[in-house]
Amino acid sequence: MSESPLDWMALANRKAKGKRPDYFDNGQDELMLSMLMALVGEVSVVRERLDTVERLLDSQGCIERSDIEAFVPDQEQALERGMLTREFIFRVMRGPHQAAEALKENEPALSEVSKELRDI
């Protein structure tokens, strides 16, 4: 059985079954959120890979691609990475989180406050 190369573009363009959840009234906002979260995922992967390269360079001085691919973080390193990832996601999602909190407290949205301040 011959294995054909994996078609990443076909996989990336597959549609999920069922209706996607709507978080916003505006479809453009939904699209932006989707793009943002995809980008956050990619940046998170790049950060972990960079962490791998830095750790291997610290311990070995010289590395090959196979060293990167074979690297498995120990428990302490995995916990540190997990904490960094959580902090990263928190920073990215701070704005939407604050907007949701403002809705709960019936406070005006940041954009409304900003507009009011400009009008003064």
PDB file of N, CA and C in Angstrom:
ATOM      1  N   MET A   1       0.840  -1.175   0.000  1.00  0.00           N
ATOM      2  CA  MET A   1       0.000   0.000   0.000  1.00  0.00           C
ATOM      3  C   MET A   1       0.889   1.242   0.000  1.00  0.00           C
ATOM      4  N   SER A   2       0.743   2.080  -1.019  1.00  0.00           N
ATOM      5  CA  SER A   2       1.555   3.292  -1.090  1.00  0.00           C
ATOM      6  C   SER A   2       0.820   4.432  -0.392  1.00  0.00           C
ATOM      7  N   GLU A   3       1.578   5.184   0.344  1.00  0.00           N
ATOM      8  CA  GLU A   3       0.992   6.318   1.055  1.00  0.00           C
ATOM      9  C   GLU A   3       1.212   7.581   0.240  1.00  0.00           C
ATOM     10  N   SER A   4       0.134   8.288  -0.045  1.00  0.00           N
ATOM     11  CA  SER A   4       0.265   9.557  -0.751  1.00  0.00           C
ATOM     12  C   SER A   4       0.566  10.644   0.276  1.00  0.00           C
ATOM     13  N   PRO A   5       1.227  11.721  -0.170  1.00  0.00           N
ATOM     14  CA  PRO A   5       1.529  12.799   0.781  1.00  0.00           C
ATOM     15  C   PRO A   5       0.249  13.418   1.331  1.00  0.00           C
ATOM     16  N   LEU A   6       0.338  13.862   2.553  1.00  0.00           N
ATOM     17  CA  LEU A   6      -0.806  14.471   3.224  1.00  0.00           C
ATOM     18  C   LEU A   6      -1.115  15.822   2.589  1.00  0.00           C
ATOM     19  N   ASP A   7      -2.354  16.029   2.202  1.00  0.00           N
ATOM     20  CA  ASP A   7      -2.786  17.286   1.588  1.00  0.00           C
ATOM     21  C   ASP A   7      -3.297  18.217   2.691  1.00  0.00           C
ATOM     22  N   TRP A   8      -2.398  19.061   3.204  1.00  0.00           N
ATOM     23  CA  TRP A   8      -2.734  19.948   4.317  1.00  0.00           C
ATOM     24  C   TRP A   8      -3.807  20.956   3.936  1.00  0.00           C
ATOM     25  N   MET A   9      -3.776  21.440   2.710  1.00  0.00           N
ATOM     26  CA  MET A   9      -4.766  22.439   2.298  1.00  0.00           C
ATOM     27  C   MET A   9      -6.165  21.831   2.260  1.00  0.00           C
ATOM     28  N   ALA A  10      -6.259  20.598   1.786  1.00  0.00           N
ATOM     29  CA  ALA A  10      -7.572  19.940   1.761  1.00  0.00           C
ATOM     30  C   ALA A  10      -8.087  19.749   3.181  1.00  0.00           C
ATOM     31  N   LEU A  11      -7.200  19.358   4.091  1.00  0.00           N
ATOM     32  CA  LEU A  11      -7.608  19.177   5.487  1.00  0.00           C
ATOM     33  C   LEU A  11      -8.012  20.509   6.120  1.00  0.00           C
ATOM     34  N   ALA A  12      -7.264  21.563   5.826  1.00  0.00           N
ATOM     35  CA  ALA A  12      -7.557  22.872   6.417  1.00  0.00           C
ATOM     36  C   ALA A  12      -8.877  23.438   5.912  1.00  0.00           C
ATOM     37  N   ASN A  13      -9.270  23.060   4.709  1.00  0.00           N
ATOM     38  CA  ASN A  13     -10.490  23.612   4.123  1.00  0.00           C
ATOM     39  C   ASN A  13     -11.715  22.741   4.343  1.00  0.00           C
ATOM     40  N   ARG A  14     -11.573  21.651   5.075  1.00  0.00           N
ATOM     41  CA  ARG A  14     -12.730  20.806   5.353  1.00  0.00           C
ATOM     42  C   ARG A  14     -13.708  21.563   6.240  1.00  0.00           C
ATOM     43  N   LYS A  15     -14.976  21.311   6.021  1.00  0.00           N
ATOM     44  CA  LYS A  15     -16.009  21.960   6.826  1.00  0.00           C
ATOM     45  C   LYS A  15     -16.474  21.007   7.911  1.00  0.00           C
ATOM     46  N   ALA A  16     -16.693  21.549   9.085  1.00  0.00           N
ATOM     47  CA  ALA A  16     -17.208  20.746  10.193  1.00  0.00           C
ATOM     48  C   ALA A  16     -18.668  20.407   9.927  1.00  0.00           C
ATOM     49  N   LYS A  17     -19.085  19.260  10.428  1.00  0.00           N
ATOM     50  CA  LYS A  17     -20.486  18.871  10.293  1.00  0.00           C
ATOM     51  C   LYS A  17     -21.309  19.667  11.296  1.00  0.00           C
ATOM     52  N   GLY A  18     -22.520  19.997  10.897  1.00  0.00           N
ATOM     53  CA  GLY A  18     -23.404  20.721  11.804  1.00  0.00           C
ATOM     54  C   GLY A  18     -23.200  22.219  11.726  1.00  0.00           C
ATOM     55  N   LYS A  19     -24.038  22.904  12.471  1.00  0.00           N
ATOM     56  CA  LYS A  19     -23.996  24.368  12.484  1.00  0.00           C
ATOM     57  C   LYS A  19     -22.908  24.852  13.428  1.00  0.00           C
ATOM     58  N   ARG A  20     -22.177  25.838  12.989  1.00  0.00           N
ATOM     59  CA  ARG A  20     -21.145  26.439  13.831  1.00  0.00           C
ATOM     60  C   ARG A  20     -21.811  27.324  14.877  1.00  0.00           C
ATOM     61  N   PRO A  21     -21.243  27.403  16.075  1.00  0.00           N
ATOM     62  CA  PRO A  21     -21.839  28.283  17.087  1.00  0.00           C
ATOM     63  C   PRO A  21     -21.671  29.747  16.686  1.00  0.00           C
ATOM     64  N   ASP A  22     -22.654  30.543  17.014  1.00  0.00           N
ATOM     65  CA  ASP A  22     -22.595  31.982  16.764  1.00  0.00           C
ATOM     66  C   ASP A  22     -22.347  32.690  18.086  1.00  0.00           C
ATOM     67  N   TYR A  23     -21.268  33.456  18.131  1.00  0.00           N
ATOM     68  CA  TYR A  23     -20.946  34.212  19.335  1.00  0.00           C
ATOM     69  C   TYR A  23     -21.309  35.681  19.173  1.00  0.00           C
ATOM     70  N   PHE A  24     -21.419  36.122  17.920  1.00  0.00           N
ATOM     71  CA  PHE A  24     -21.695  37.522  17.631  1.00  0.00           C
ATOM     72  C   PHE A  24     -22.886  37.615  16.690  1.00  0.00           C
ATOM     73  N   ASP A  25     -23.495  38.781  16.644  1.00  0.00           N
ATOM     74  CA  ASP A  25     -24.600  39.011  15.713  1.00  0.00           C
ATOM     75  C   ASP A  25     -24.088  39.241  14.293  1.00  0.00           C
ATOM     76  N   ASN A  26     -22.857  39.670  14.178  1.00  0.00           N
ATOM     77  CA  ASN A  26     -22.272  40.041  12.898  1.00  0.00           C
ATOM     78  C   ASN A  26     -21.398  38.899  12.372  1.00  0.00           C
ATOM     79  N   GLY A  27     -21.651  38.468  11.151  1.00  0.00           N
ATOM     80  CA  GLY A  27     -20.862  37.392  10.548  1.00  0.00           C
ATOM     81  C   GLY A  27     -19.399  37.753  10.381  1.00  0.00           C
ATOM     82  N   GLN A  28     -19.109  39.035  10.156  1.00  0.00           N
ATOM     83  CA  GLN A  28     -17.720  39.460  10.016  1.00  0.00           C
ATOM     84  C   GLN A  28     -16.964  39.306  11.337  1.00  0.00           C
ATOM     85  N   ASP A  29     -17.646  39.566  12.437  1.00  0.00           N
ATOM     86  CA  ASP A  29     -17.018  39.372  13.745  1.00  0.00           C
ATOM     87  C   ASP A  29     -16.731  37.894  13.982  1.00  0.00           C
ATOM     88  N   GLU A  30     -17.647  37.036  13.558  1.00  0.00           N
ATOM     89  CA  GLU A  30     -17.440  35.586  13.674  1.00  0.00           C
ATOM     90  C   GLU A  30     -16.200  35.170  12.888  1.00  0.00           C
ATOM     91  N   LEU A  31     -16.079  35.700  11.674  1.00  0.00           N
ATOM     92  CA  LEU A  31     -14.936  35.383  10.828  1.00  0.00           C
ATOM     93  C   LEU A  31     -13.639  35.855  11.478  1.00  0.00           C
ATOM     94  N   MET A  32     -13.647  37.063  12.021  1.00  0.00           N
ATOM     95  CA  MET A  32     -12.448  37.591  12.677  1.00  0.00           C
ATOM     96  C   MET A  32     -12.057  36.743  13.882  1.00  0.00           C
ATOM     97  N   LEU A  33     -13.049  36.319  14.674  1.00  0.00           N
ATOM     98  CA  LEU A  33     -12.758  35.474  15.827  1.00  0.00           C
ATOM     99  C   LEU A  33     -12.160  34.152  15.372  1.00  0.00           C
ATOM    100  N   SER A  34     -12.724  33.575  14.337  1.00  0.00           N
ATOM    101  CA  SER A  34     -12.217  32.314  13.810  1.00  0.00           C
ATOM    102  C   SER A  34     -10.773  32.461  13.339  1.00  0.00           C
ATOM    103  N   MET A  35     -10.495  33.540  12.615  1.00  0.00           N
ATOM    104  CA  MET A  35      -9.136  33.784  12.134  1.00  0.00           C
ATOM    105  C   MET A  35      -8.182  34.031  13.299  1.00  0.00           C
ATOM    106  N   LEU A  36      -8.629  34.804  14.280  1.00  0.00           N
ATOM    107  CA  LEU A  36      -7.795  35.095  15.442  1.00  0.00           C
ATOM    108  C   LEU A  36      -7.435  33.815  16.185  1.00  0.00           C
ATOM    109  N   MET A  37      -8.421  32.959  16.405  1.00  0.00           N
ATOM    110  CA  MET A  37      -8.157  31.738  17.162  1.00  0.00           C
ATOM    111  C   MET A  37      -7.255  30.782  16.381  1.00  0.00           C
ATOM    112  N   ALA A  38      -7.394  30.738  15.057  1.00  0.00           N
ATOM    113  CA  ALA A  38      -6.492  29.919  14.241  1.00  0.00           C
ATOM    114  C   ALA A  38      -5.067  30.453  14.352  1.00  0.00           C
ATOM    115  N   LEU A  39      -4.917  31.767  14.315  1.00  0.00           N
ATOM    116  CA  LEU A  39      -3.601  32.383  14.441  1.00  0.00           C
ATOM    117  C   LEU A  39      -3.013  32.151  15.829  1.00  0.00           C
ATOM    118  N   VAL A  40      -3.828  32.234  16.853  1.00  0.00           N
ATOM    119  CA  VAL A  40      -3.370  31.957  18.222  1.00  0.00           C
ATOM    120  C   VAL A  40      -2.832  30.531  18.307  1.00  0.00           C
ATOM    121  N   GLY A  41      -3.538  29.592  17.696  1.00  0.00           N
ATOM    122  CA  GLY A  41      -3.075  28.205  17.694  1.00  0.00           C
ATOM    123  C   GLY A  41      -1.731  28.059  17.007  1.00  0.00           C
ATOM    124  N   GLU A  42      -1.566  28.717  15.869  1.00  0.00           N
ATOM    125  CA  GLU A  42      -0.305  28.639  15.134  1.00  0.00           C
ATOM    126  C   GLU A  42       0.839  29.270  15.930  1.00  0.00           C
ATOM    127  N   VAL A  43       0.598  30.433  16.513  1.00  0.00           N
ATOM    128  CA  VAL A  43       1.638  31.102  17.306  1.00  0.00           C
ATOM    129  C   VAL A  43       2.017  30.237  18.506  1.00  0.00           C
ATOM    130  N   SER A  44       1.046  29.594  19.111  1.00  0.00           N
ATOM    131  CA  SER A  44       1.317  28.726  20.252  1.00  0.00           C
ATOM    132  C   SER A  44       2.238  27.575  19.851  1.00  0.00           C
ATOM    133  N   VAL A  45       1.996  26.999  18.686  1.00  0.00           N
ATOM    134  CA  VAL A  45       2.848  25.912  18.191  1.00  0.00           C
ATOM    135  C   VAL A  45       4.261  26.425  17.930  1.00  0.00           C
ATOM    136  N   VAL A  46       4.379  27.600  17.316  1.00  0.00           N
ATOM    137  CA  VAL A  46       5.696  28.172  17.036  1.00  0.00           C
ATOM    138  C   VAL A  46       6.437  28.452  18.344  1.00  0.00           C
ATOM    139  N   ARG A  47       5.730  28.950  19.349  1.00  0.00           N
ATOM    140  CA  ARG A  47       6.364  29.226  20.645  1.00  0.00           C
ATOM    141  C   ARG A  47       6.903  27.946  21.279  1.00  0.00           C
ATOM    142  N   GLU A  48       6.125  26.862  21.214  1.00  0.00           N
ATOM    143  CA  GLU A  48       6.591  25.595  21.782  1.00  0.00           C
ATOM    144  C   GLU A  48       7.792  25.065  21.017  1.00  0.00           C
ATOM    145  N   ARG A  49       7.753  25.196  19.701  1.00  0.00           N
ATOM    146  CA  ARG A  49       8.877  24.716  18.895  1.00  0.00           C
ATOM    147  C   ARG A  49      10.133  25.539  19.197  1.00  0.00           C
ATOM    148  N   LEU A  50       9.991  26.849  19.342  1.00  0.00           N
ATOM    149  CA  LEU A  50      11.125  27.694  19.695  1.00  0.00           C
ATOM    150  C   LEU A  50      11.665  27.306  21.068  1.00  0.00           C
ATOM    151  N   ASP A  51      10.776  27.027  22.006  1.00  0.00           N
ATOM    152  CA  ASP A  51      11.191  26.579  23.329  1.00  0.00           C
ATOM    153  C   ASP A  51      12.009  25.291  23.216  1.00  0.00           C
ATOM    154  N   THR A  52      11.566  24.384  22.357  1.00  0.00           N
ATOM    155  CA  THR A  52      12.300  23.133  22.138  1.00  0.00           C
ATOM    156  C   THR A  52      13.697  23.422  21.612  1.00  0.00           C
ATOM    157  N   VAL A  53      13.795  24.282  20.607  1.00  0.00           N
ATOM    158  CA  VAL A  53      15.094  24.620  20.021  1.00  0.00           C
ATOM    159  C   VAL A  53      16.005  25.244  21.077  1.00  0.00           C
ATOM    160  N   GLU A  54      15.475  26.178  21.860  1.00  0.00           N
ATOM    161  CA  GLU A  54      16.288  26.831  22.888  1.00  0.00           C
ATOM    162  C   GLU A  54      16.779  25.832  23.927  1.00  0.00           C
ATOM    163  N   ARG A  55      15.906  24.942  24.371  1.00  0.00           N
ATOM    164  CA  ARG A  55      16.309  23.949  25.376  1.00  0.00           C
ATOM    165  C   ARG A  55      17.369  23.002  24.823  1.00  0.00           C
ATOM    166  N   LEU A  56      17.197  22.572  23.581  1.00  0.00           N
ATOM    167  CA  LEU A  56      18.175  21.667  22.980  1.00  0.00           C
ATOM    168  C   LEU A  56      19.513  22.361  22.771  1.00  0.00           C
ATOM    169  N   LEU A  57      19.489  23.616  22.337  1.00  0.00           N
ATOM    170  CA  LEU A  57      20.742  24.350  22.169  1.00  0.00           C
ATOM    171  C   LEU A  57      21.452  24.541  23.504  1.00  0.00           C
ATOM    172  N   ASP A  58      20.686  24.821  24.562  1.00  0.00           N
ATOM    173  CA  ASP A  58      21.289  24.961  25.891  1.00  0.00           C
ATOM    174  C   ASP A  58      21.956  23.668  26.339  1.00  0.00           C
ATOM    175  N   SER A  59      21.316  22.546  26.069  1.00  0.00           N
ATOM    176  CA  SER A  59      21.843  21.272  26.573  1.00  0.00           C
ATOM    177  C   SER A  59      22.864  20.630  25.641  1.00  0.00           C
ATOM    178  N   GLN A  60      22.744  20.854  24.324  1.00  0.00           N
ATOM    179  CA  GLN A  60      23.612  20.155  23.379  1.00  0.00           C
ATOM    180  C   GLN A  60      24.544  21.076  22.603  1.00  0.00           C
ATOM    181  N   GLY A  61      24.208  22.338  22.499  1.00  0.00           N
ATOM    182  CA  GLY A  61      25.042  23.269  21.753  1.00  0.00           C
ATOM    183  C   GLY A  61      24.810  23.257  20.253  1.00  0.00           C
ATOM    184  N   CYS A  62      24.575  22.108  19.687  1.00  0.00           N
ATOM    185  CA  CYS A  62      24.348  21.968  18.252  1.00  0.00           C
ATOM    186  C   CYS A  62      23.233  20.943  18.063  1.00  0.00           C
ATOM    187  N   ILE A  63      22.289  21.240  17.193  1.00  0.00           N
ATOM    188  CA  ILE A  63      21.158  20.325  17.030  1.00  0.00           C
ATOM    189  C   ILE A  63      20.850  20.089  15.557  1.00  0.00           C
ATOM    190  N   GLU A  64      20.084  19.041  15.323  1.00  0.00           N
ATOM    191  CA  GLU A  64      19.576  18.729  13.991  1.00  0.00           C
ATOM    192  C   GLU A  64      18.057  18.692  14.070  1.00  0.00           C
ATOM    193  N   ARG A  65      17.420  18.728  12.907  1.00  0.00           N
ATOM    194  CA  ARG A  65      15.960  18.696  12.865  1.00  0.00           C
ATOM    195  C   ARG A  65      15.419  17.461  13.591  1.00  0.00           C
ATOM    196  N   SER A  66      16.102  16.340  13.462  1.00  0.00           N
ATOM    197  CA  SER A  66      15.632  15.115  14.123  1.00  0.00           C
ATOM    198  C   SER A  66      15.624  15.270  15.643  1.00  0.00           C
ATOM    199  N   ASP A  67      16.552  16.058  16.182  1.00  0.00           N
ATOM    200  CA  ASP A  67      16.556  16.321  17.631  1.00  0.00           C
ATOM    201  C   ASP A  67      15.291  17.071  18.040  1.00  0.00           C
ATOM    202  N   ILE A  68      14.899  18.020  17.212  1.00  0.00           N
ATOM    203  CA  ILE A  68      13.696  18.809  17.499  1.00  0.00           C
ATOM    204  C   ILE A  68      12.467  17.914  17.451  1.00  0.00           C
ATOM    205  N   GLU A  69      12.386  17.091  16.407  1.00  0.00           N
ATOM    206  CA  GLU A  69      11.218  16.222  16.235  1.00  0.00           C
ATOM    207  C   GLU A  69      11.121  15.179  17.345  1.00  0.00           C
ATOM    208  N   ALA A  70      12.255  14.739  17.877  1.00  0.00           N
ATOM    209  CA  ALA A  70      12.261  13.683  18.891  1.00  0.00           C
ATOM    210  C   ALA A  70      12.133  14.214  20.318  1.00  0.00           C
ATOM    211  N   PHE A  71      12.226  15.526  20.497  1.00  0.00           N
ATOM    212  CA  PHE A  71      12.209  16.104  21.844  1.00  0.00           C
ATOM    213  C   PHE A  71      10.868  15.876  22.536  1.00  0.00           C
ATOM    214  N   VAL A  72      10.953  15.423  23.772  1.00  0.00           N
ATOM    215  CA  VAL A  72       9.765  15.275  24.616  1.00  0.00           C
ATOM    216  C   VAL A  72      10.073  15.995  25.928  1.00  0.00           C
ATOM    217  N   PRO A  73       9.298  17.028  26.269  1.00  0.00           N
ATOM    218  CA  PRO A  73       9.590  17.760  27.509  1.00  0.00           C
ATOM    219  C   PRO A  73       9.338  16.884  28.733  1.00  0.00           C
ATOM    220  N   ASP A  74      10.154  17.105  29.767  1.00  0.00           N
ATOM    221  CA  ASP A  74       9.894  16.394  31.018  1.00  0.00           C
ATOM    222  C   ASP A  74       8.705  17.066  31.706  1.00  0.00           C
ATOM    223  N   GLN A  75       8.302  16.529  32.848  1.00  0.00           N
ATOM    224  CA  GLN A  75       7.097  17.029  33.513  1.00  0.00           C
ATOM    225  C   GLN A  75       7.215  18.510  33.873  1.00  0.00           C
ATOM    226  N   GLU A  76       8.353  18.910  34.404  1.00  0.00           N
ATOM    227  CA  GLU A  76       8.537  20.316  34.788  1.00  0.00           C
ATOM    228  C   GLU A  76       8.476  21.236  33.567  1.00  0.00           C
ATOM    229  N   GLN A  77       9.140  20.823  32.484  1.00  0.00           N
ATOM    230  CA  GLN A  77       9.112  21.619  31.261  1.00  0.00           C
ATOM    231  C   GLN A  77       7.696  21.699  30.690  1.00  0.00           C
ATOM    232  N   ALA A  78       6.973  20.585  30.732  1.00  0.00           N
ATOM    233  CA  ALA A  78       5.598  20.564  30.224  1.00  0.00           C
ATOM    234  C   ALA A  78       4.701  21.490  31.043  1.00  0.00           C
ATOM    235  N   LEU A  79       4.882  21.487  32.364  1.00  0.00           N
ATOM    236  CA  LEU A  79       4.094  22.383  33.212  1.00  0.00           C
ATOM    237  C   LEU A  79       4.419  23.847  32.916  1.00  0.00           C
ATOM    238  N   GLU A  80       5.706  24.137  32.722  1.00  0.00           N
ATOM    239  CA  GLU A  80       6.119  25.503  32.397  1.00  0.00           C
ATOM    240  C   GLU A  80       5.511  25.943  31.061  1.00  0.00           C
ATOM    241  N   ARG A  81       5.559  25.060  30.075  1.00  0.00           N
ATOM    242  CA  ARG A  81       4.967  25.368  28.774  1.00  0.00           C
ATOM    243  C   ARG A  81       3.461  25.588  28.898  1.00  0.00           C
ATOM    244  N   GLY A  82       2.813  24.751  29.670  1.00  0.00           N
ATOM    245  CA  GLY A  82       1.372  24.893  29.862  1.00  0.00           C
ATOM    246  C   GLY A  82       1.019  26.233  30.479  1.00  0.00           C
ATOM    247  N   MET A  83       1.802  26.650  31.460  1.00  0.00           N
ATOM    248  CA  MET A  83       1.571  27.950  32.104  1.00  0.00           C
ATOM    249  C   MET A  83       1.779  29.091  31.106  1.00  0.00           C
ATOM    250  N   LEU A  84       2.843  29.010  30.312  1.00  0.00           N
ATOM    251  CA  LEU A  84       3.098  30.051  29.316  1.00  0.00           C
ATOM    252  C   LEU A  84       1.976  30.111  28.280  1.00  0.00           C
ATOM    253  N   THR A  85       1.474  28.951  27.883  1.00  0.00           N
ATOM    254  CA  THR A  85       0.378  28.913  26.911  1.00  0.00           C
ATOM    255  C   THR A  85      -0.884  29.522  27.502  1.00  0.00           C
ATOM    256  N   ARG A  86      -1.202  29.175  28.742  1.00  0.00           N
ATOM    257  CA  ARG A  86      -2.387  29.754  29.395  1.00  0.00           C
ATOM    258  C   ARG A  86      -2.260  31.276  29.506  1.00  0.00           C
ATOM    259  N   GLU A  87      -1.077  31.763  29.883  1.00  0.00           N
ATOM    260  CA  GLU A  87      -0.866  33.207  29.988  1.00  0.00           C
ATOM    261  C   GLU A  87      -1.027  33.884  28.628  1.00  0.00           C
ATOM    262  N   PHE A  88      -0.510  33.252  27.592  1.00  0.00           N
ATOM    263  CA  PHE A  88      -0.625  33.794  26.234  1.00  0.00           C
ATOM    264  C   PHE A  88      -2.088  33.896  25.815  1.00  0.00           C
ATOM    265  N   ILE A  89      -2.840  32.830  26.011  1.00  0.00           N
ATOM    266  CA  ILE A  89      -4.255  32.829  25.636  1.00  0.00           C
ATOM    267  C   ILE A  89      -5.023  33.856  26.456  1.00  0.00           C
ATOM    268  N   PHE A  90      -4.687  33.983  27.729  1.00  0.00           N
ATOM    269  CA  PHE A  90      -5.356  34.983  28.569  1.00  0.00           C
ATOM    270  C   PHE A  90      -5.112  36.390  28.034  1.00  0.00           C
ATOM    271  N   ARG A  91      -3.855  36.676  27.646  1.00  0.00           N
ATOM    272  CA  ARG A  91      -3.552  38.013  27.117  1.00  0.00           C
ATOM    273  C   ARG A  91      -4.323  38.270  25.822  1.00  0.00           C
ATOM    274  N   VAL A  92      -4.394  37.268  24.952  1.00  0.00           N
ATOM    275  CA  VAL A  92      -5.107  37.438  23.685  1.00  0.00           C
ATOM    276  C   VAL A  92      -6.595  37.643  23.922  1.00  0.00           C
ATOM    277  N   MET A  93      -7.153  36.901  24.861  1.00  0.00           N
ATOM    278  CA  MET A  93      -8.597  36.926  25.088  1.00  0.00           C
ATOM    279  C   MET A  93      -9.026  37.953  26.131  1.00  0.00           C
ATOM    280  N   ARG A  94      -8.090  38.772  26.620  1.00  0.00           N
ATOM    281  CA  ARG A  94      -8.420  39.759  27.647  1.00  0.00           C
ATOM    282  C   ARG A  94      -9.523  40.709  27.186  1.00  0.00           C
ATOM    283  N   GLY A  95      -9.421  41.222  25.970  1.00  0.00           N
ATOM    284  CA  GLY A  95     -10.431  42.155  25.459  1.00  0.00           C
ATOM    285  C   GLY A  95     -11.823  41.544  25.405  1.00  0.00           C
ATOM    286  N   PRO A  96     -11.989  40.387  24.729  1.00  0.00           N
ATOM    287  CA  PRO A  96     -13.322  39.762  24.719  1.00  0.00           C
ATOM    288  C   PRO A  96     -13.820  39.403  26.120  1.00  0.00           C
ATOM    289  N   HIS A  97     -12.918  38.975  26.988  1.00  0.00           N
ATOM    290  CA  HIS A  97     -13.320  38.623  28.352  1.00  0.00           C
ATOM    291  C   HIS A  97     -13.825  39.863  29.091  1.00  0.00           C
ATOM    292  N   GLN A  98     -13.117  40.970  28.961  1.00  0.00           N
ATOM    293  CA  GLN A  98     -13.544  42.206  29.619  1.00  0.00           C
ATOM    294  C   GLN A  98     -14.869  42.697  29.046  1.00  0.00           C
ATOM    295  N   ALA A  99     -15.061  42.524  27.737  1.00  0.00           N
ATOM    296  CA  ALA A  99     -16.329  42.925  27.122  1.00  0.00           C
ATOM    297  C   ALA A  99     -17.476  42.085  27.668  1.00  0.00           C
ATOM    298  N   ALA A 100     -17.247  40.790  27.841  1.00  0.00           N
ATOM    299  CA  ALA A 100     -18.286  39.912  28.395  1.00  0.00           C
ATOM    300  C   ALA A 100     -18.588  40.286  29.838  1.00  0.00           C
ATOM    301  N   GLU A 101     -17.566  40.590  30.613  1.00  0.00           N
ATOM    302  CA  GLU A 101     -17.767  41.006  32.002  1.00  0.00           C
ATOM    303  C   GLU A 101     -18.556  42.312  32.066  1.00  0.00           C
ATOM    304  N   ALA A 102     -18.266  43.231  31.150  1.00  0.00           N
ATOM    305  CA  ALA A 102     -18.982  44.509  31.130  1.00  0.00           C
ATOM    306  C   ALA A 102     -20.461  44.286  30.841  1.00  0.00           C
ATOM    307  N   LEU A 103     -20.768  43.337  29.976  1.00  0.00           N
ATOM    308  CA  LEU A 103     -22.171  43.038  29.686  1.00  0.00           C
ATOM    309  C   LEU A 103     -22.881  42.508  30.925  1.00  0.00           C
ATOM    310  N   LYS A 104     -22.181  41.680  31.695  1.00  0.00           N
ATOM    311  CA  LYS A 104     -22.769  41.128  32.918  1.00  0.00           C
ATOM    312  C   LYS A 104     -23.063  42.228  33.931  1.00  0.00           C
ATOM    313  N   GLU A 105     -22.196  43.224  33.977  1.00  0.00           N
ATOM    314  CA  GLU A 105     -22.323  44.290  34.969  1.00  0.00           C
ATOM    315  C   GLU A 105     -23.088  45.492  34.423  1.00  0.00           C
ATOM    316  N   ASN A 106     -23.607  45.377  33.211  1.00  0.00           N
ATOM    317  CA  ASN A 106     -24.335  46.466  32.553  1.00  0.00           C
ATOM    318  C   ASN A 106     -23.493  47.729  32.412  1.00  0.00           C
ATOM    319  N   GLU A 107     -22.196  47.548  32.289  1.00  0.00           N
ATOM    320  CA  GLU A 107     -21.325  48.688  32.042  1.00  0.00           C
ATOM    321  C   GLU A 107     -21.260  48.920  30.542  1.00  0.00           C
ATOM    322  N   PRO A 108     -21.025  50.157  30.139  1.00  0.00           N
ATOM    323  CA  PRO A 108     -20.898  50.408  28.700  1.00  0.00           C
ATOM    324  C   PRO A 108     -19.641  49.730  28.150  1.00  0.00           C
ATOM    325  N   ALA A 109     -19.711  49.329  26.904  1.00  0.00           N
ATOM    326  CA  ALA A 109     -18.562  48.705  26.252  1.00  0.00           C
ATOM    327  C   ALA A 109     -17.435  49.720  26.122  1.00  0.00           C
ATOM    328  N   LEU A 110     -16.216  49.231  26.028  1.00  0.00           N
ATOM    329  CA  LEU A 110     -15.048  50.087  25.910  1.00  0.00           C
ATOM    330  C   LEU A 110     -15.162  51.008  24.700  1.00  0.00           C
ATOM    331  N   SER A 111     -15.707  50.503  23.593  1.00  0.00           N
ATOM    332  CA  SER A 111     -15.851  51.340  22.394  1.00  0.00           C
ATOM    333  C   SER A 111     -16.810  52.500  22.649  1.00  0.00           C
ATOM    334  N   GLU A 112     -17.847  52.258  23.453  1.00  0.00           N
ATOM    335  CA  GLU A 112     -18.793  53.334  23.773  1.00  0.00           C
ATOM    336  C   GLU A 112     -18.134  54.391  24.652  1.00  0.00           C
ATOM    337  N   VAL A 113     -17.383  53.957  25.639  1.00  0.00           N
ATOM    338  CA  VAL A 113     -16.679  54.894  26.520  1.00  0.00           C
ATOM    339  C   VAL A 113     -15.677  55.697  25.708  1.00  0.00           C
ATOM    340  N   SER A 114     -14.957  55.026  24.820  1.00  0.00           N
ATOM    341  CA  SER A 114     -13.976  55.707  23.977  1.00  0.00           C
ATOM    342  C   SER A 114     -14.645  56.763  23.106  1.00  0.00           C
ATOM    343  N   LYS A 115     -15.793  56.414  22.525  1.00  0.00           N
ATOM    344  CA  LYS A 115     -16.532  57.369  21.687  1.00  0.00           C
ATOM    345  C   LYS A 115     -16.981  58.567  22.513  1.00  0.00           C
ATOM    346  N   GLU A 116     -17.477  58.314  23.717  1.00  0.00           N
ATOM    347  CA  GLU A 116     -17.925  59.405  24.582  1.00  0.00           C
ATOM    348  C   GLU A 116     -16.765  60.325  24.937  1.00  0.00           C
ATOM    349  N   LEU A 117     -15.603  59.751  25.203  1.00  0.00           N
ATOM    350  CA  LEU A 117     -14.442  60.566  25.552  1.00  0.00           C
ATOM    351  C   LEU A 117     -13.986  61.417  24.370  1.00  0.00           C
ATOM    352  N   ARG A 118     -14.099  60.880  23.160  1.00  0.00           N
ATOM    353  CA  ARG A 118     -13.726  61.655  21.979  1.00  0.00           C
ATOM    354  C   ARG A 118     -14.680  62.820  21.763  1.00  0.00           C
ATOM    355  N   ASP A 119     -15.936  62.624  22.139  1.00  0.00           N
ATOM    356  CA  ASP A 119     -16.955  63.659  21.935  1.00  0.00           C
ATOM    357  C   ASP A 119     -16.861  64.793  22.955  1.00  0.00           C
ATOM    358  N   ILE A 120     -16.092  64.605  23.997  1.00  0.00           N
ATOM    359  CA  ILE A 120     -15.979  65.630  25.055  1.00  0.00           C
ATOM    360  C   ILE A 120     -15.135  66.788  24.576  1.00  0.00           C
TER     361      ILE A 120
END
